[in-house]
């Protein structure tokens, strides 16, 4: 995941955890941090879409279907990025 270098100060303990998790996956810490930010933003976007109207606008079944579609879309996107 090449891109411009963006210095972001992180708590030392958090950075160590990110480095350890990245090493477990065979990734660079930068890739893991980028993936974490991407997931956070995707989830935030999902929540905005899910609650753009009144929560009463969706039935429980519709809410579960929407969540299921989003999870599958996120997994497909992640698999696509891992193949690059």
C-alpha atoms as a PDB file:
ATOM      1  CA  UNK A   1       0.000   0.000   0.000  1.00  0.00           C
ATOM      2  CA  UNK A   2       2.308   2.670  -1.229  1.00  0.00           C
ATOM      3  CA  UNK A   3       1.391   6.276  -0.770  1.00  0.00           C
ATOM      4  CA  UNK A   4       2.751   9.494   0.604  1.00  0.00           C
ATOM      5  CA  UNK A   5       4.499   9.274   3.955  1.00  0.00           C
ATOM      6  CA  UNK A   6       2.298  10.833   6.619  1.00  0.00           C
ATOM      7  CA  UNK A   7       3.841  11.267  10.048  1.00  0.00           C
ATOM      8  CA  UNK A   8       1.293  10.406  12.704  1.00  0.00           C
ATOM      9  CA  UNK A   9       2.422  10.304  16.309  1.00  0.00           C
ATOM     10  CA  UNK A  10       1.241   7.158  18.095  1.00  0.00           C
ATOM     11  CA  UNK A  11       1.408   6.089  21.693  1.00  0.00           C
ATOM     12  CA  UNK A  12       4.498   3.854  22.086  1.00  0.00           C
ATOM     13  CA  UNK A  13       2.494   0.926  23.463  1.00  0.00           C
ATOM     14  CA  UNK A  14      -0.015   1.169  20.619  1.00  0.00           C
ATOM     15  CA  UNK A  15       2.779   1.236  18.056  1.00  0.00           C
ATOM     16  CA  UNK A  16       4.389  -1.863  19.619  1.00  0.00           C
ATOM     17  CA  UNK A  17       1.041  -3.683  19.441  1.00  0.00           C
ATOM     18  CA  UNK A  18       0.629  -2.655  15.799  1.00  0.00           C
ATOM     19  CA  UNK A  19       4.159  -3.804  14.972  1.00  0.00           C
ATOM     20  CA  UNK A  20       3.612  -7.153  16.709  1.00  0.00           C
ATOM     21  CA  UNK A  21       0.277  -7.772  14.966  1.00  0.00           C
ATOM     22  CA  UNK A  22       1.754  -6.773  11.607  1.00  0.00           C
ATOM     23  CA  UNK A  23       4.654  -9.181  12.120  1.00  0.00           C
ATOM     24  CA  UNK A  24       2.178 -11.988  12.897  1.00  0.00           C
ATOM     25  CA  UNK A  25       0.551 -11.369   9.520  1.00  0.00           C
ATOM     26  CA  UNK A  26       3.765 -10.829   7.603  1.00  0.00           C
ATOM     27  CA  UNK A  27       2.891  -7.182   7.008  1.00  0.00           C
ATOM     28  CA  UNK A  28       4.687  -3.909   7.601  1.00  0.00           C
ATOM     29  CA  UNK A  29       3.339  -1.895  10.529  1.00  0.00           C
ATOM     30  CA  UNK A  30       2.454   0.887   8.094  1.00  0.00           C
ATOM     31  CA  UNK A  31       0.217  -1.488   6.115  1.00  0.00           C
ATOM     32  CA  UNK A  32      -1.551  -2.651   9.259  1.00  0.00           C
ATOM     33  CA  UNK A  33      -2.149   0.932  10.411  1.00  0.00           C
ATOM     34  CA  UNK A  34      -3.471   1.901   6.976  1.00  0.00           C
ATOM     35  CA  UNK A  35      -5.799  -1.125   7.003  1.00  0.00           C
ATOM     36  CA  UNK A  36      -7.030  -0.190  10.497  1.00  0.00           C
ATOM     37  CA  UNK A  37      -7.819   3.369   9.410  1.00  0.00           C
ATOM     38  CA  UNK A  38      -9.535   2.081   6.264  1.00  0.00           C
ATOM     39  CA  UNK A  39     -11.688  -0.315   8.312  1.00  0.00           C
ATOM     40  CA  UNK A  40     -12.600   2.409  10.785  1.00  0.00           C
ATOM     41  CA  UNK A  41     -13.666   4.748   8.001  1.00  0.00           C
ATOM     42  CA  UNK A  42     -15.608   1.990   6.196  1.00  0.00           C
ATOM     43  CA  UNK A  43     -17.433   1.155   9.427  1.00  0.00           C
ATOM     44  CA  UNK A  44     -18.105   4.835  10.087  1.00  0.00           C
ATOM     45  CA  UNK A  45     -19.511   5.232   6.557  1.00  0.00           C
ATOM     46  CA  UNK A  46     -21.658   2.146   7.072  1.00  0.00           C
ATOM     47  CA  UNK A  47     -23.045   3.491  10.333  1.00  0.00           C
ATOM     48  CA  UNK A  48     -23.830   6.822   8.681  1.00  0.00           C
ATOM     49  CA  UNK A  49     -25.725   5.038   5.893  1.00  0.00           C
ATOM     50  CA  UNK A  50     -27.503   2.677   8.268  1.00  0.00           C
ATOM     51  CA  UNK A  51     -28.739   5.499  10.473  1.00  0.00           C
ATOM     52  CA  UNK A  52     -29.227   8.185   7.819  1.00  0.00           C
ATOM     53  CA  UNK A  53     -32.947   8.072   8.518  1.00  0.00           C
ATOM     54  CA  UNK A  54     -34.810   7.140  11.599  1.00  0.00           C
ATOM     55  CA  UNK A  55     -33.749   3.792  13.114  1.00  0.00           C
ATOM     56  CA  UNK A  56     -37.436   2.910  12.848  1.00  0.00           C
ATOM     57  CA  UNK A  57     -37.153   3.083   9.039  1.00  0.00           C
ATOM     58  CA  UNK A  58     -35.495  -0.359   8.953  1.00  0.00           C
ATOM     59  CA  UNK A  59     -36.998  -3.544  10.258  1.00  0.00           C
ATOM     60  CA  UNK A  60     -34.786  -5.908  12.228  1.00  0.00           C
ATOM     61  CA  UNK A  61     -34.523  -8.193   9.193  1.00  0.00           C
ATOM     62  CA  UNK A  62     -33.607  -5.267   6.922  1.00  0.00           C
ATOM     63  CA  UNK A  63     -30.976  -4.118   9.412  1.00  0.00           C
ATOM     64  CA  UNK A  64     -29.422  -7.584   9.531  1.00  0.00           C
ATOM     65  CA  UNK A  65     -29.482  -7.880   5.739  1.00  0.00           C
ATOM     66  CA  UNK A  66     -27.791  -4.500   5.390  1.00  0.00           C
ATOM     67  CA  UNK A  67     -25.143  -5.437   7.942  1.00  0.00           C
ATOM     68  CA  UNK A  68     -24.564  -8.771   6.210  1.00  0.00           C
ATOM     69  CA  UNK A  69     -24.140  -7.094   2.799  1.00  0.00           C
ATOM     70  CA  UNK A  70     -21.669  -4.606   4.248  1.00  0.00           C
ATOM     71  CA  UNK A  71     -19.615  -7.325   5.937  1.00  0.00           C
ATOM     72  CA  UNK A  72     -19.410  -9.289   2.680  1.00  0.00           C
ATOM     73  CA  UNK A  73     -18.453  -6.153   0.746  1.00  0.00           C
ATOM     74  CA  UNK A  74     -15.732  -5.305   3.251  1.00  0.00           C
ATOM     75  CA  UNK A  75     -14.380  -8.869   3.132  1.00  0.00           C
ATOM     76  CA  UNK A  76     -14.320  -8.830  -0.672  1.00  0.00           C
ATOM     77  CA  UNK A  77     -12.511  -5.492  -0.697  1.00  0.00           C
ATOM     78  CA  UNK A  78     -10.000  -6.738   1.854  1.00  0.00           C
ATOM     79  CA  UNK A  79      -9.358  -9.934  -0.129  1.00  0.00           C
ATOM     80  CA  UNK A  80      -8.859  -7.823  -3.255  1.00  0.00           C
ATOM     81  CA  UNK A  81      -6.279  -5.629  -1.508  1.00  0.00           C
ATOM     82  CA  UNK A  82      -4.437  -8.672  -0.132  1.00  0.00           C
ATOM     83  CA  UNK A  83      -4.075 -10.139  -3.630  1.00  0.00           C
ATOM     84  CA  UNK A  84      -2.212  -7.060  -4.881  1.00  0.00           C
END
